[in-house]
C-alpha atoms as a PDB file:
ATOM      1  CA  MET A   1      24.513  10.990   8.457  1.00  0.00           C
ATOM      2  CA  SER A   2      24.391  11.914   4.764  1.00  0.00           C
ATOM      3  CA  ILE A   3      21.390  13.351   2.901  1.00  0.00           C
ATOM      4  CA  PHE A   4      20.984   9.974   1.191  1.00  0.00           C
ATOM      5  CA  GLU A   5      20.900   8.120   4.515  1.00  0.00           C
ATOM      6  CA  ILE A   6      18.385  10.613   5.907  1.00  0.00           C
ATOM      7  CA  ALA A   7      16.235  10.079   2.799  1.00  0.00           C
ATOM      8  CA  ILE A   8      16.353   6.297   3.340  1.00  0.00           C
ATOM      9  CA  GLU A   9      15.232   6.758   6.951  1.00  0.00           C
ATOM     10  CA  VAL A  10      12.423   9.129   5.943  1.00  0.00           C
ATOM     11  CA  ILE A  11      11.261   6.627   3.306  1.00  0.00           C
ATOM     12  CA  GLY A  12      11.214   3.890   5.975  1.00  0.00           C
ATOM     13  CA  TRP A  13       9.184   6.001   8.406  1.00  0.00           C
ATOM     14  CA  LEU A  14       6.733   7.100   5.713  1.00  0.00           C
ATOM     15  CA  ALA A  15       6.328   3.456   4.660  1.00  0.00           C
ATOM     16  CA  ALA A  16       5.588   2.480   8.264  1.00  0.00           C
ATOM     17  CA  ILE A  17       3.002   5.253   8.606  1.00  0.00           C
ATOM     18  CA  LEU A  18       1.354   4.227   5.327  1.00  0.00           C
ATOM     19  CA  ILE A  19       1.139   0.539   6.277  1.00  0.00           C
ATOM     20  CA  LEU A  20      -0.181   1.395   9.731  1.00  0.00           C
ATOM     21  CA  ALA A  21      -2.735   3.857   8.313  1.00  0.00           C
ATOM     22  CA  SER A  22      -3.977   1.239   5.850  1.00  0.00           C
ATOM     23  CA  TYR A  23      -4.464  -1.253   8.664  1.00  0.00           C
ATOM     24  CA  VAL A  24      -6.254   1.284  10.875  1.00  0.00           C
ATOM     25  CA  LEU A  25      -8.594   2.314   8.038  1.00  0.00           C
ATOM     26  CA  LEU A  26      -9.299  -1.339   7.250  1.00  0.00           C
ATOM     27  CA  SER A  27      -9.911  -2.203  10.907  1.00  0.00           C
ATOM     28  CA  LEU A  28     -12.308   0.732  11.273  1.00  0.00           C
ATOM     29  CA  GLY A  29     -14.231  -0.425   8.206  1.00  0.00           C
ATOM     30  CA  ARG A  30     -13.399   2.733   6.233  1.00  0.00           C
ATOM     31  CA  ILE A  31     -11.798   0.886   3.303  1.00  0.00           C
ATOM     32  CA  GLU A  32     -12.278  -2.486   1.659  1.00  0.00           C
ATOM     33  CA  PRO A  33      -9.555  -5.168   1.797  1.00  0.00           C
ATOM     34  CA  ARG A  34      -9.746  -5.771  -1.958  1.00  0.00           C
ATOM     35  CA  GLY A  35     -10.117  -2.078  -2.761  1.00  0.00           C
ATOM     36  CA  TYR A  36      -7.595  -0.057  -4.715  1.00  0.00           C
ATOM     37  CA  LEU A  37      -6.828   2.320  -1.837  1.00  0.00           C
ATOM     38  CA  TYR A  38      -5.885  -0.401   0.651  1.00  0.00           C
ATOM     39  CA  GLN A  39      -3.848  -2.319  -1.898  1.00  0.00           C
ATOM     40  CA  TRP A  40      -1.981   0.756  -3.174  1.00  0.00           C
ATOM     41  CA  MET A  41      -1.193   1.838   0.386  1.00  0.00           C
ATOM     42  CA  ASN A  42       0.316  -1.595   0.992  1.00  0.00           C
ATOM     43  CA  VAL A  43       2.229  -1.731  -2.301  1.00  0.00           C
ATOM     44  CA  ILE A  44       3.755   1.717  -1.765  1.00  0.00           C
ATOM     45  CA  GLY A  45       4.440   1.077   1.918  1.00  0.00           C
ATOM     46  CA  ALA A  46       6.049  -2.291   1.253  1.00  0.00           C
ATOM     47  CA  SER A  47       8.175  -0.736  -1.502  1.00  0.00           C
ATOM     48  CA  GLY A  48       9.411   1.859   0.979  1.00  0.00           C
ATOM     49  CA  PHE A  49      10.273  -0.910   3.439  1.00  0.00           C
ATOM     50  CA  VAL A  50      12.176  -2.751   0.698  1.00  0.00           C
ATOM     51  CA  LEU A  51      14.318   0.331   0.081  1.00  0.00           C
ATOM     52  CA  ASN A  52      14.897   0.996   3.775  1.00  0.00           C
ATOM     53  CA  SER A  53      15.526  -2.556   4.917  1.00  0.00           C
ATOM     54  CA  GLY A  54      17.552  -3.443   1.836  1.00  0.00           C
ATOM     55  CA  TYR A  55      19.831  -0.448   2.366  1.00  0.00           C
ATOM     56  CA  ASN A  56      20.239  -1.315   6.046  1.00  0.00           C
ATOM     57  CA  GLY A  57      21.057  -4.960   5.277  1.00  0.00           C
ATOM     58  CA  ALA A  58      17.863  -6.424   6.734  1.00  0.00           C
ATOM     59  CA  LEU A  59      17.437  -8.886   3.892  1.00  0.00           C
ATOM     60  CA  PRO A  60      14.682 -11.039   5.460  1.00  0.00           C
ATOM     61  CA  SER A  61      12.565  -7.917   5.901  1.00  0.00           C
ATOM     62  CA  ALA A  62      13.350  -6.774   2.363  1.00  0.00           C
ATOM     63  CA  GLY A  63      12.385 -10.208   1.007  1.00  0.00           C
ATOM     64  CA  LEU A  64       9.132 -10.285   2.959  1.00  0.00           C
ATOM     65  CA  ASN A  65       8.186  -6.830   1.698  1.00  0.00           C
ATOM     66  CA  ILE A  66       8.990  -7.729  -1.906  1.00  0.00           C
ATOM     67  CA  VAL A  67       6.474 -10.574  -1.587  1.00  0.00           C
ATOM     68  CA  TRP A  68       4.020  -8.222   0.206  1.00  0.00           C
ATOM     69  CA  ALA A  69       4.231  -5.667  -2.615  1.00  0.00           C
ATOM     70  CA  LEU A  70       3.862  -8.350  -5.295  1.00  0.00           C
ATOM     71  CA  MET A  71       0.757  -9.710  -3.533  1.00  0.00           C
ATOM     72  CA  GLY A  72      -0.693  -6.212  -3.573  1.00  0.00           C
ATOM     73  CA  VAL A  73       0.068  -5.751  -7.265  1.00  0.00           C
ATOM     74  CA  PHE A  74      -1.495  -9.116  -8.055  1.00  0.00           C
ATOM     75  CA  THR A  75      -4.593  -8.228  -6.019  1.00  0.00           C
ATOM     76  CA  LEU A  76      -4.863  -4.853  -7.772  1.00  0.00           C
ATOM     77  CA  TRP A  77      -4.703  -6.604 -11.129  1.00  0.00           C
ATOM     78  CA  SER A  78      -7.212  -9.305 -10.199  1.00  0.00           C
ATOM     79  CA  VAL A  79      -9.701  -6.798  -8.740  1.00  0.00           C
ATOM     80  CA  TRP A  80      -9.338  -4.508 -11.745  1.00  0.00           C
ATOM     81  CA  ARG A  81      -9.942  -7.449 -14.071  1.00  0.00           C
ATOM     82  CA  ALA A  82     -12.919  -8.713 -12.065  1.00  0.00           C
ATOM     83  CA  GLN A  83     -14.475  -5.236 -12.027  1.00  0.00           C
ATOM     84  CA  GLY A  84     -14.069  -4.780 -15.758  1.00  0.00           C
ATOM     85  CA  GLY A  85     -11.657  -1.886 -15.327  1.00  0.00           C
ATOM     86  CA  ARG A  86     -13.756   0.061 -12.807  1.00  0.00           C
ATOM     87  CA  CYS A  87     -12.102   1.755  -9.846  1.00  0.00           C
ATOM     88  CA  PRO A  88     -13.446   0.163  -6.628  1.00  0.00           C
ATOM     89  CA  GLY A  89     -12.032   0.884  -3.205  1.00  0.00           C
ATOM     90  CA  ARG A  90     -13.141   4.415  -2.389  1.00  0.00           C
ATOM     91  CA  LEU A  91     -13.799   5.205   1.243  1.00  0.00           C
ATOM     92  CA  LYS A  92     -17.096   3.720   2.339  1.00  0.00           C
ATOM     93  CA  GLY A  93     -19.881   6.225   1.917  1.00  0.00           C
ATOM     94  CA  ASP A  94     -17.842   8.268  -0.583  1.00  0.00           C
ATOM     95  CA  HIS A  95     -19.963   8.495  -3.717  1.00  0.00           C
ATOM     96  CA  ARG A  96     -17.996  11.208  -5.517  1.00  0.00           C
ATOM     97  CA  GLY A  97     -17.809  10.354  -9.145  1.00  0.00           C
ATOM     98  CA  ALA A  98     -20.612   7.811  -8.898  1.00  0.00           C
ATOM     99  CA  ILE A  99     -23.360   8.036 -11.468  1.00  0.00           C
ATOM    100  CA  ALA A 100     -26.694   8.817  -9.809  1.00  0.00           C
ATOM    101  CA  GLY A 101     -29.488   6.739 -11.125  1.00  0.00           C
END
């Protein structure tokens, strides 16, 4: 196995961990479904799956993850626009950077 092939496998495993972690955090109520953190975890994870599955010839999986990543990008854009450019999606209860009033 070449260094390149090992890198592709590592990218695939990291993508799987990222997608799984995003789902666990969402299921535990630690992040919001339309929050930046959840969406970025999915966009990056899906992009890793695209690289891994595309390289390994799993084109249906690559196609699905292209759509998955695009949905995440669209959601990021729509949330950003709806929030007037603010950065929602921190962990629940995390008020770092919030303005006390």
